[in-house]
Protein backbone atom coordinates (compact mmCIF):
# COMPACT_ATOMS: atom_id res chain seq x y z
CA MET A 1 -0.01 34.33 42.14
CA LYS A 2 1.10 38.27 42.53
CA LYS A 3 4.39 37.36 40.94
CA TYR A 4 2.20 36.09 37.46
CA LEU A 5 -0.73 38.61 38.50
CA PHE A 6 2.44 41.80 38.11
CA ILE A 7 3.67 39.82 34.81
CA LEU A 8 0.29 39.93 33.25
CA LEU A 9 0.39 43.70 34.21
CA CYS A 10 3.23 44.81 32.56
CA VAL A 11 3.01 43.64 29.24
CA PRO A 12 -0.81 44.82 28.25
CA LEU A 13 0.40 48.57 29.93
CA LEU A 14 3.80 48.25 27.95
CA LEU A 15 2.47 46.92 24.20
CA THR A 16 -0.54 48.92 24.31
CA GLY A 17 -0.49 52.02 21.55
CA CYS A 18 -3.31 55.14 22.24
CA GLY A 19 -3.77 56.96 19.15
CA LYS A 20 -2.15 58.84 15.97
CA VAL A 21 1.36 59.34 16.84
CA PRO A 22 3.73 61.64 14.47
CA GLU A 23 6.03 60.48 11.98
CA LEU A 24 9.73 60.63 10.99
CA GLN A 25 10.57 61.15 7.20
CA ASN A 26 11.62 57.69 6.88
CA GLY A 27 8.25 56.59 8.40
CA GLN A 28 9.80 55.47 11.50
CA GLN A 29 6.64 56.43 14.90
CA VAL A 30 7.60 59.23 17.65
CA VAL A 31 6.79 57.89 20.64
CA VAL A 32 7.81 60.62 22.73
CA GLU A 33 9.43 63.77 22.06
CA ILE A 34 11.59 66.44 24.95
CA ASN A 35 13.52 69.34 24.75
CA GLY A 36 13.81 68.62 20.62
CA LYS A 37 15.01 65.03 20.71
CA GLN A 38 12.88 62.14 19.43
CA PHE A 39 12.42 58.60 20.91
CA THR A 40 11.34 56.61 17.82
CA ALA A 41 8.95 52.81 17.75
CA GLU A 42 11.31 51.35 16.77
CA GLU A 43 14.11 52.35 19.83
CA LEU A 44 10.99 52.02 22.37
CA PHE A 45 11.26 48.47 20.96
CA ASP A 46 14.73 47.70 21.02
CA GLU A 47 14.72 48.73 24.74
CA LEU A 48 11.32 46.77 25.91
CA LYS A 49 12.77 43.50 24.04
CA GLN A 50 15.68 43.78 26.33
CA SER A 51 13.12 42.76 29.46
CA TYR A 52 10.22 42.10 27.78
CA GLY A 53 10.56 40.76 24.67
CA THR A 54 10.47 37.05 25.60
CA SER A 55 7.64 36.75 27.94
CA ALA A 56 5.72 39.12 25.10
CA LEU A 57 6.71 36.75 22.87
CA VAL A 58 5.50 33.77 24.75
CA ASN A 59 2.28 35.33 25.79
CA LEU A 60 1.65 36.17 22.18
CA VAL A 61 2.24 32.42 21.10
CA SER A 62 0.74 30.59 23.72
CA ASN A 63 -2.40 32.43 23.00
CA TYR A 64 -2.24 32.25 19.11
CA ILE A 65 -1.73 28.26 20.30
CA THR A 66 -4.56 28.15 22.68
CA ASP A 67 -7.25 29.64 20.29
CA GLN A 68 -6.05 27.15 17.27
CA GLU A 69 -5.76 24.28 19.64
CA ILE A 70 -8.96 24.18 22.40
CA THR A 71 -12.14 23.04 22.15
CA GLU A 72 -15.60 24.69 22.77
CA GLU A 73 -15.86 21.96 26.05
CA GLN A 74 -12.76 22.91 27.03
CA ALA A 75 -13.36 26.82 26.31
CA LYS A 76 -17.05 25.83 28.93
CA ASP A 77 -14.92 24.58 30.87
CA ALA A 78 -11.95 27.37 31.55
CA LYS A 79 -15.07 29.85 31.74
CA LYS A 80 -16.69 28.03 34.71
CA LEU A 81 -13.37 27.68 36.43
CA ALA A 82 -12.29 31.33 36.28
CA GLU A 83 -15.64 32.11 37.30
CA SER A 84 -15.68 30.14 40.67
CA GLU A 85 -11.57 31.34 41.00
CA TYR A 86 -12.59 34.69 40.90
CA ASN A 87 -15.72 34.17 43.45
CA ARG A 88 -13.12 32.29 45.72
CA MET A 89 -10.76 35.29 45.44
CA ALA A 90 -13.18 38.13 46.08
CA ALA A 91 -15.06 35.86 49.03
CA TYR A 92 -11.44 35.50 50.78
CA TYR A 93 -10.35 39.31 50.35
CA GLY A 94 -13.98 40.25 51.15
CA ASP A 95 -14.01 44.22 51.53
CA ASN A 96 -10.67 44.75 50.52
CA TRP A 97 -11.11 42.66 47.26
CA GLN A 98 -11.62 46.41 45.18
CA GLN A 99 -8.30 47.48 46.58
CA TYR A 100 -6.34 44.42 45.54
CA LEU A 101 -7.61 44.45 42.15
CA ALA A 102 -7.06 48.26 42.42
CA ASP A 103 -3.04 47.46 43.63
CA TYR A 104 -2.54 45.77 40.36
CA GLN A 105 -4.52 48.13 38.19
CA TYR A 106 -6.79 45.57 37.70
CA THR A 107 -10.83 45.89 36.34
CA PRO A 108 -12.89 43.31 37.62
CA GLU A 109 -13.63 42.08 34.16
CA ARG A 110 -10.16 42.06 33.05
CA PHE A 111 -9.17 39.82 35.73
CA LEU A 112 -11.35 37.39 35.20
CA ALA A 113 -10.47 37.51 31.67
CA ASP A 114 -6.87 36.31 32.78
CA LEU A 115 -8.52 33.93 34.96
CA GLU A 116 -9.85 32.29 31.72
CA ASN A 117 -7.37 32.78 29.96
CA ASN A 118 -5.04 31.19 32.37
CA TYR A 119 -7.46 28.03 32.67
CA ARG A 120 -7.64 27.67 28.96
CA GLN A 121 -3.51 27.25 28.40
CA SER A 122 -3.39 24.96 31.02
CA LEU A 123 -6.31 22.72 29.73
CA VAL A 124 -4.69 22.84 26.30
CA LEU A 125 -1.39 22.41 27.90
CA GLU A 126 -2.61 19.25 29.57
CA ALA A 127 -4.39 17.76 26.13
CA TYR A 128 -1.42 18.05 24.25
CA VAL A 129 1.02 16.28 27.14
CA ARG A 130 -2.03 13.49 27.03
CA ASN A 131 -2.72 13.07 23.47
CA ASP A 132 1.22 14.10 22.23
CA VAL A 133 3.95 13.29 24.84
CA ILE A 134 2.46 10.60 26.71
CA THR A 135 4.22 6.99 24.98
CA GLU A 136 1.60 3.91 24.26
CA GLU A 137 5.42 2.41 26.07
CA GLU A 138 4.62 4.56 29.25
CA ILE A 139 1.06 3.55 29.06
CA GLN A 140 1.69 -0.56 29.37
CA ASP A 141 4.39 0.12 31.44
CA TYR A 142 2.11 1.87 34.21
CA TYR A 143 -0.77 -0.94 33.40
CA ASP A 144 1.67 -3.81 33.48
CA ASN A 145 3.05 -2.63 37.43
CA ASP A 146 0.29 -0.05 38.79
CA ILE A 147 -3.31 -1.32 37.99
CA PHE A 148 -4.52 -4.34 39.65
CA GLY A 149 -8.20 -5.77 40.03
CA ASP A 150 -9.43 -3.88 43.68
CA SER A 151 -9.20 -5.74 46.65
CA THR A 152 -11.39 -6.39 49.71
CA ILE A 153 -9.38 -6.02 52.96
CA ARG A 154 -10.07 -5.94 56.66
CA HIS A 155 -7.63 -3.80 58.65
CA ILE A 156 -7.06 -3.09 62.59
CA LEU A 157 -5.39 0.53 63.43
CA ILE A 158 -3.05 1.35 67.01
CA ILE A 159 -2.49 4.67 67.38
CA PRO A 160 0.14 5.81 70.57
CA LYS A 161 -1.72 7.48 72.82
CA VAL A 162 0.39 11.06 72.21
CA ASP A 163 -0.39 14.53 72.69
CA ASP A 164 0.90 17.74 72.65
CA ASP A 165 2.28 18.28 75.89
CA MET A 166 4.46 14.73 75.75
CA ASP A 167 8.03 15.46 75.47
CA ASP A 168 10.14 13.44 72.97
CA ASP A 169 11.03 10.23 75.38
CA GLU A 170 7.42 9.85 76.32
CA VAL A 171 6.00 9.98 72.70
CA ALA A 172 8.90 6.69 72.41
CA GLU A 173 7.39 5.11 75.09
CA GLN A 174 3.76 5.35 73.62
CA GLU A 175 5.08 4.53 69.99
CA LYS A 176 6.82 1.66 71.37
CA LYS A 177 3.50 1.01 73.40
CA ALA A 178 1.15 1.24 70.37
CA LEU A 179 3.65 -1.05 68.32
CA GLU A 180 3.85 -4.18 70.65
CA GLU A 181 -0.11 -4.09 70.54
CA ALA A 182 0.55 -4.67 67.20
CA THR A 183 2.59 -7.27 67.31
CA ALA A 184 0.43 -8.75 70.00
CA ILE A 185 -2.20 -9.38 67.94
CA ILE A 186 -0.08 -10.75 65.12
CA GLU A 187 1.13 -13.19 67.02
CA LYS A 188 -2.65 -14.00 68.29
CA LEU A 189 -3.67 -14.70 64.53
CA LYS A 190 -0.72 -16.66 64.11
CA ASN A 191 -2.67 -19.71 65.98
CA SER A 192 -5.99 -18.63 64.86
CA ASP A 193 -8.12 -20.99 63.04
CA ASN A 194 -10.67 -18.54 61.23
CA ILE A 195 -8.59 -15.69 60.57
CA GLU A 196 -11.24 -13.02 59.31
CA GLU A 197 -13.45 -13.58 61.88
CA ASP A 198 -10.57 -12.78 64.68
CA VAL A 199 -9.79 -9.77 62.64
CA THR A 200 -12.95 -8.61 62.54
CA ASN A 201 -13.55 -9.25 66.22
CA ILE A 202 -10.57 -7.76 66.89
CA ALA A 203 -10.88 -4.51 64.63
CA LYS A 204 -14.02 -4.27 66.52
CA GLU A 205 -12.80 -3.82 69.82
CA GLN A 206 -9.56 -3.15 69.64
CA SER A 207 -9.15 -1.51 66.35
CA ASP A 208 -8.21 2.87 66.58
CA ASP A 209 -9.71 3.55 63.20
CA GLU A 210 -13.34 5.36 64.05
CA GLY A 211 -14.29 4.59 60.94
CA THR A 212 -13.56 0.94 59.99
CA ALA A 213 -14.18 -0.46 63.31
CA GLU A 214 -17.56 -1.18 63.89
CA VAL A 215 -17.91 -2.89 60.18
CA GLY A 216 -14.54 -4.87 61.41
CA GLY A 217 -12.16 -3.01 60.17
CA LEU A 218 -14.11 -3.92 56.64
CA LEU A 219 -12.12 -1.41 53.47
CA GLU A 220 -14.35 -3.17 50.24
CA ASN A 221 -12.57 -2.09 46.35
CA ILE A 222 -9.67 -0.55 47.05
CA ASN A 223 -7.59 -0.20 44.77
CA SER A 224 -3.95 2.39 44.03
CA ASP A 225 -6.08 5.38 43.04
CA SER A 226 -8.22 4.65 46.57
CA ASN A 227 -6.30 7.63 48.33
CA LEU A 228 -4.39 4.72 50.88
CA ALA A 229 -1.31 5.78 52.82
CA GLU A 230 1.62 4.37 50.78
CA GLU A 231 2.98 2.54 53.10
CA PHE A 232 -0.98 0.96 53.83
CA TRP A 233 -1.57 0.35 49.72
CA GLU A 234 1.41 -2.06 48.93
CA ALA A 235 1.36 -4.01 51.77
CA ALA A 236 -2.33 -4.80 50.99
CA ARG A 237 -1.69 -4.90 47.63
CA ASP A 238 1.66 -7.69 48.25
CA LEU A 239 -1.13 -9.95 50.37
CA LYS A 240 -2.34 -13.01 48.56
CA VAL A 241 -6.29 -13.35 49.72
CA GLY A 242 -6.44 -14.84 53.26
CA GLU A 243 -3.11 -13.22 54.19
CA PHE A 244 -2.17 -10.93 56.94
CA THR A 245 0.89 -8.72 57.04
CA ALA A 246 3.66 -10.68 58.81
CA GLU A 247 4.64 -7.64 60.67
CA PRO A 248 2.76 -4.34 61.76
CA VAL A 249 2.34 -1.85 58.79
CA GLU A 250 3.75 1.70 60.16
CA THR A 251 1.58 5.07 58.24
CA GLU A 252 1.35 8.85 59.65
CA PHE A 253 -1.82 7.18 61.18
CA GLY A 254 -0.12 4.44 63.66
CA TYR A 255 0.55 0.34 63.20
CA HIS A 256 -1.70 -1.16 60.79
CA ILE A 257 -2.15 -4.96 60.72
CA ILE A 258 -4.08 -5.83 57.49
CA TYR A 259 -5.95 -9.00 56.06
CA LYS A 260 -6.40 -9.57 52.54
CA VAL A 261 -10.54 -10.69 52.02
CA SER A 262 -10.70 -11.09 48.59
CA GLN A 263 -9.20 -9.85 44.76
CA LYS A 264 -10.53 -9.02 41.89
CA ASP A 265 -8.93 -9.88 38.03
CA LYS A 266 -7.18 -7.15 36.73
CA PRO A 267 -9.60 -5.41 34.48
CA ALA A 268 -8.05 -4.71 30.74
CA LEU A 269 -6.50 -2.41 29.61
CA ASP A 270 -8.84 -0.64 27.52
CA ASP A 271 -10.88 -0.39 30.58
CA VAL A 272 -8.45 2.05 32.11
CA LYS A 273 -6.76 3.35 29.38
CA ASP A 274 -8.42 6.52 30.20
CA THR A 275 -7.30 6.69 34.02
CA ILE A 276 -3.94 5.78 32.97
CA LEU A 277 -3.86 8.84 30.82
CA ASP A 278 -4.85 11.00 33.63
CA ASN A 279 -2.43 10.23 35.84
CA LEU A 280 0.16 10.26 33.74
CA THR A 281 -0.41 13.43 32.80
CA ASP A 282 -1.23 14.57 36.53
CA GLU A 283 2.19 12.90 37.13
CA ALA A 284 4.20 14.46 34.07
CA LEU A 285 2.57 18.52 34.86
CA SER A 286 4.20 17.94 38.43
CA GLU A 287 7.20 17.90 37.71
CA THR A 288 9.44 20.43 38.57
CA ASN A 289 9.12 23.33 35.41
CA ALA A 290 6.56 20.85 33.52
CA SER A 291 4.68 23.68 31.93
CA ILE A 292 7.19 25.75 30.53
CA ILE A 293 8.92 23.09 29.25
CA TYR A 294 5.62 21.32 27.98
CA TRP A 295 4.60 24.52 25.86
CA ALA A 296 8.10 24.54 24.40
CA GLY A 297 7.16 21.39 23.15
CA LEU A 298 3.81 22.57 21.88
CA ARG A 299 5.31 25.56 20.71
CA GLU A 300 7.66 23.32 18.96
CA LYS A 301 4.95 21.28 16.76
CA TYR A 302 3.47 24.49 15.85
CA ASN A 303 7.22 25.31 14.06
CA MET A 304 7.52 28.32 15.71
CA VAL A 305 10.47 30.69 13.94
CA ILE A 306 12.25 33.62 16.07
CA HIS A 307 13.76 36.58 13.60
CA ASP A 308 15.37 38.38 15.84
CA ASP A 309 18.44 38.02 17.06
CA THR A 310 18.02 39.47 20.93
CA ILE A 311 14.64 37.62 21.34
CA LYS A 312 15.68 34.27 20.18
CA ASN A 313 19.22 34.24 22.31
CA ASP A 314 17.13 34.93 25.89
CA TYR A 315 14.49 31.87 24.70
CA ASN A 316 17.33 29.39 24.18
CA ALA A 317 18.83 30.55 26.77
CA ILE A 318 15.82 30.14 28.88
CA MET A 319 15.03 26.86 27.13
CA ASN A 320 18.28 25.74 27.70
CA GLN A 321 18.32 26.39 31.49
CA TYR A 322 14.93 24.85 32.12
CA GLN A 323 16.03 21.80 30.10
CA LYS A 324 18.86 21.32 32.27
CA GLY A 325 16.89 21.90 35.82
CA ALA A 326 14.27 19.57 34.52
């Protein structure tokens, strides 16, 4: 956040003018004069563009594209998000908030405006990735491999009885005991005449999952978006109705025995397409340097042409570096 604020701070201070300035006979504006030596705006620009030209350019172009692309609804959302973030930060820093702003030479109004602009750009980029980057093939592939009908399952959780005072050997011993207990439950279920009934009763008596033990380990309508441990979800997903896991499923929480009660039909693609697009967009933007790379694509969509050789070479070198690291 500090790095982001520093960049935002530098560019406006460097580029903002202040009143009339003298001109030379050739029309060049004089920025400063010292001991008879005059420095022109063109000289200042040549100096600044070596360090800040590319970032200033990207900032100007991104703001222009954002203004062209943003919808009224997105603009309202950006404003609300900025106000919420501003209030959160102000509450976090408390009595030091004004000093925090002063350290970066911000007024509250300017800081809020920059936050809002950041959210505006983020929402525009999300829309670009969703509408222009994600392909129909990717949507179909996600539907084929990651969309399933909701399942209802029952599970039993056995948690190793460990605490912070135990050494590694003691922890390992407790984990071994938990695994043995979970394995013994599976062996018992193999001889069951009514598996669901037995899973329900064992869950009530032995499960360490406080959220589901009282209801016999019942979890209804779970799917890939249910925020379950990956190992748990994959094991539950692959079970047939009436089956239970042949071995305990280990997650960060402990050892699970999972029984599938029911499985709904897979929903139609059109019914889940928005959800798929949301997930694929989130995945794309979570990749390393994703925002930088996709903003480059959005600028390319707008046919950006850089005429200054110094800035163009710098911009291309930076983009090539990020593309290689993607």
